Structure formats: structure tokens, C-alpha cells
Amino acid sequence: MKIRKAKEDDKEKILELLNSEPATLEENEMPYDEECAEEYIKGKSFETFVCEISGEIAGVVIAHVRRIGRYAELYNLVVNKKYRKKGIGIRLMNFMEEHLRKFNIEEMFLYTLYNNDAMQKLSNKLKYKKGKKFLTYSKVLIKRK
């Protein structure tokens, strides 16, 4: 198993992973597209890593890094169903945390849906502090074709 920085060639597999898990999408959110994956891989404010097992991408972790504020937001963590329950999610999170420390990032936030039990369990296991309850609101400004 190897964890490495995501590269352009990983785009399709990352998209497949992101769109394979209903828990990664909010209720009315559009599926991830190529433009999103490209931004996650090439964007200056994103850090994206993949876990590779025998040449196959088994998982991805994406964080939006706010260097000025010295914090990061976990955007997504998805592990291929075939590789779940093998500690890959924990390894990806630990890798991301270590990586962010190198940039003097002081805190990482993550948001998860109330019914995403797997992410809640992982967050507790990694000693993330559960926040207070809040509501999110969204509004579609431009409909995609």
C-alpha cells in the first residue's frame, strides 16, 4: 500500500470514487464532474492524496487548505467498497494530518451528514471533537446542463 499525491492520470478514478458514495453528496448536490476533480488535483488551495494498492486506487482524501487562516477543511474521504474495513481511511486521514502540519496548519475541520455513521465513527476514533448542531442551507444559482 502506498499513499501519494494525486496526479492528472488519477482524475477518472477519483471521480468514480467521489460519485460512487451517496454519503459524499448532499441531498440536492450535483454529481462531481471533471472540472471538480481537476481543481482538487491541480488547485493551489487543495491537497489531494490517493491510496494505491497493487496499482489500483483504493481511496482518496481531499482537503481545502486555508494557509492564511492556518486551517483546513476536509472535503472528502472515500474508500473503494472493495477495500473498506482495512484501515485505509485512518491511514489517509493520518497522512493528510501529517502533511498539513508541514504547512503549519493548526486545525482541520470536517463536516459529515448526520446519517454517515462510518465517517462519524472514524472521526471519533481519530479524536476529532464533535461540534454543535447546525443547519446548512443551499441555493442553486445556475442550473447545470
Protein backbone atom coordinates (compact mmCIF):
# COMPACT_ATOMS: atom_id res chain seq x y z
CA MET A 1 0.00 0.00 0.00
CA LYS A 2 1.25 3.45 -0.96
CA ILE A 3 -0.19 6.90 -0.29
CA ARG A 4 0.85 9.56 -2.78
CA LYS A 5 -0.14 12.95 -4.17
CA ALA A 6 -2.92 12.65 -6.75
CA LYS A 7 -1.97 13.33 -10.35
CA GLU A 8 -3.79 14.10 -13.59
CA ASP A 9 -3.91 10.41 -14.57
CA ASP A 10 -5.95 9.69 -11.41
CA LYS A 11 -8.79 12.04 -12.37
CA GLU A 12 -11.22 9.41 -13.71
CA LYS A 13 -10.76 7.06 -10.77
CA ILE A 14 -11.12 9.91 -8.27
CA LEU A 15 -14.36 10.98 -9.97
CA GLU A 16 -15.61 7.42 -9.90
CA LEU A 17 -14.90 7.17 -6.16
CA LEU A 18 -16.47 10.55 -5.34
CA ASN A 19 -19.64 9.75 -7.28
CA SER A 20 -19.91 6.16 -6.03
CA GLU A 21 -20.79 7.08 -2.48
CA PRO A 22 -24.17 8.74 -1.82
CA ALA A 23 -22.86 9.95 1.56
CA THR A 24 -20.35 12.21 -0.22
CA LEU A 25 -23.17 14.17 -1.86
CA GLU A 26 -25.59 16.39 -0.01
CA GLU A 27 -29.29 15.96 -0.72
CA ASN A 28 -29.59 18.26 -3.75
CA GLU A 29 -25.97 18.40 -4.81
CA MET A 30 -24.93 17.70 -8.37
CA PRO A 31 -22.56 14.80 -9.01
CA TYR A 32 -18.87 15.65 -9.16
CA ASP A 33 -17.62 16.43 -12.63
CA GLU A 34 -14.27 16.53 -14.40
CA GLU A 35 -13.79 20.21 -13.53
CA CYS A 36 -14.10 19.43 -9.80
CA ALA A 37 -11.59 16.60 -9.99
CA GLU A 38 -9.19 18.80 -11.92
CA GLU A 39 -9.43 21.55 -9.29
CA TYR A 40 -8.84 19.04 -6.49
CA ILE A 41 -5.73 17.74 -8.24
CA LYS A 42 -4.27 20.96 -9.67
CA GLY A 43 -5.79 23.70 -7.49
CA LYS A 44 -3.36 25.62 -5.30
CA SER A 45 -5.62 25.54 -2.26
CA PHE A 46 -6.33 21.79 -2.40
CA GLU A 47 -4.29 18.87 -1.16
CA THR A 48 -5.38 15.55 -2.65
CA PHE A 49 -3.86 12.16 -1.95
CA VAL A 50 -4.71 8.67 -3.12
CA CYS A 51 -4.05 5.31 -1.55
CA GLU A 52 -2.81 2.82 -4.11
CA ILE A 53 -2.86 -0.95 -3.65
CA SER A 54 -1.32 -3.12 -6.37
CA GLY A 55 -1.62 -0.24 -8.86
CA GLU A 56 -5.31 0.33 -8.09
CA ILE A 57 -6.62 3.46 -6.34
CA ALA A 58 -8.29 2.21 -3.18
CA GLY A 59 -9.16 5.58 -1.65
CA VAL A 60 -8.86 9.35 -1.86
CA VAL A 61 -8.64 12.17 0.68
CA ILE A 62 -9.13 15.83 -0.24
CA ALA A 63 -8.63 18.91 1.94
CA HIS A 64 -9.13 22.59 1.19
CA VAL A 65 -6.22 24.40 2.82
CA ARG A 66 -6.58 27.94 4.14
CA ARG A 67 -2.94 28.88 4.67
CA ILE A 68 -3.68 32.43 5.82
CA GLY A 69 -6.10 31.20 8.50
CA ARG A 70 -3.88 28.17 9.20
CA TYR A 71 -6.72 25.68 8.97
CA ALA A 72 -8.00 23.10 6.53
CA GLU A 73 -11.39 21.66 5.73
CA LEU A 74 -11.65 18.02 4.87
CA TYR A 75 -13.62 17.93 1.63
CA ASN A 76 -13.84 14.22 1.07
CA LEU A 77 -12.58 10.88 2.18
CA VAL A 78 -13.76 7.93 0.12
CA VAL A 79 -12.53 4.35 0.20
CA ASN A 80 -13.47 1.89 -2.53
CA LYS A 81 -16.04 -0.61 -1.15
CA LYS A 82 -13.66 -3.45 -2.02
CA TYR A 83 -11.03 -2.06 0.40
CA ARG A 84 -13.17 -0.93 3.34
CA LYS A 85 -12.61 -2.14 6.90
CA LYS A 86 -8.86 -2.44 6.27
CA GLY A 87 -7.72 0.79 7.96
CA ILE A 88 -7.29 2.75 4.73
CA GLY A 89 -9.50 5.65 5.87
CA ILE A 90 -7.45 6.04 9.06
CA ARG A 91 -4.18 5.88 7.12
CA LEU A 92 -5.35 8.50 4.62
CA MET A 93 -6.51 10.82 7.42
CA ASN A 94 -3.27 10.39 9.38
CA PHE A 95 -1.27 11.03 6.21
CA MET A 96 -3.24 14.21 5.48
CA GLU A 97 -2.84 15.46 9.05
CA GLU A 98 0.94 14.93 8.94
CA HIS A 99 1.14 16.63 5.56
CA LEU A 100 -0.81 19.66 6.81
CA ARG A 101 1.42 20.01 9.86
CA LYS A 102 4.32 20.67 7.47
CA PHE A 103 2.47 23.82 6.33
CA ASN A 104 1.87 24.89 9.95
CA ILE A 105 -1.84 24.19 9.58
CA GLU A 106 -3.15 24.33 13.13
CA GLU A 107 -6.61 22.82 12.78
CA MET A 108 -8.65 20.67 10.43
CA PHE A 109 -12.42 20.75 10.27
CA LEU A 110 -14.67 18.15 8.74
CA TYR A 111 -18.37 18.06 8.11
CA THR A 112 -20.40 14.92 7.67
CA LEU A 113 -24.03 14.07 7.17
CA TYR A 114 -25.96 13.04 10.25
CA ASN A 115 -26.52 9.57 8.76
CA ASN A 116 -22.90 8.95 7.70
CA ASP A 117 -22.14 6.60 10.57
CA ALA A 118 -18.84 5.40 9.12
CA MET A 119 -17.38 8.94 8.98
CA GLN A 120 -18.67 9.77 12.45
CA LYS A 121 -17.09 6.62 13.85
CA LEU A 122 -13.78 7.38 12.09
CA SER A 123 -13.83 10.99 13.34
CA ASN A 124 -14.34 9.83 16.92
CA LYS A 125 -11.62 7.23 16.58
CA LEU A 126 -9.18 9.91 15.37
CA LYS A 127 -10.20 12.15 18.32
CA TYR A 128 -11.94 14.87 16.35
CA LYS A 129 -14.13 16.99 18.61
CA LYS A 130 -17.80 16.90 17.68
CA GLY A 131 -19.24 20.36 17.12
CA LYS A 132 -22.61 21.76 18.00
CA LYS A 133 -25.57 21.09 15.75
CA PHE A 134 -26.10 23.47 12.86
CA LEU A 135 -28.17 23.68 9.71
CA THR A 136 -26.82 24.13 6.23
CA TYR A 137 -28.67 25.99 3.52
CA SER A 138 -28.00 25.95 -0.20
CA LYS A 139 -29.40 27.58 -3.28
CA VAL A 140 -28.76 26.66 -6.90
CA LEU A 141 -27.77 29.86 -8.70
CA ILE A 142 -27.16 28.37 -12.14
CA LYS A 143 -28.58 25.07 -13.31
CA ARG A 144 -26.07 22.78 -15.00
CA LYS A 145 -26.99 21.39 -18.36
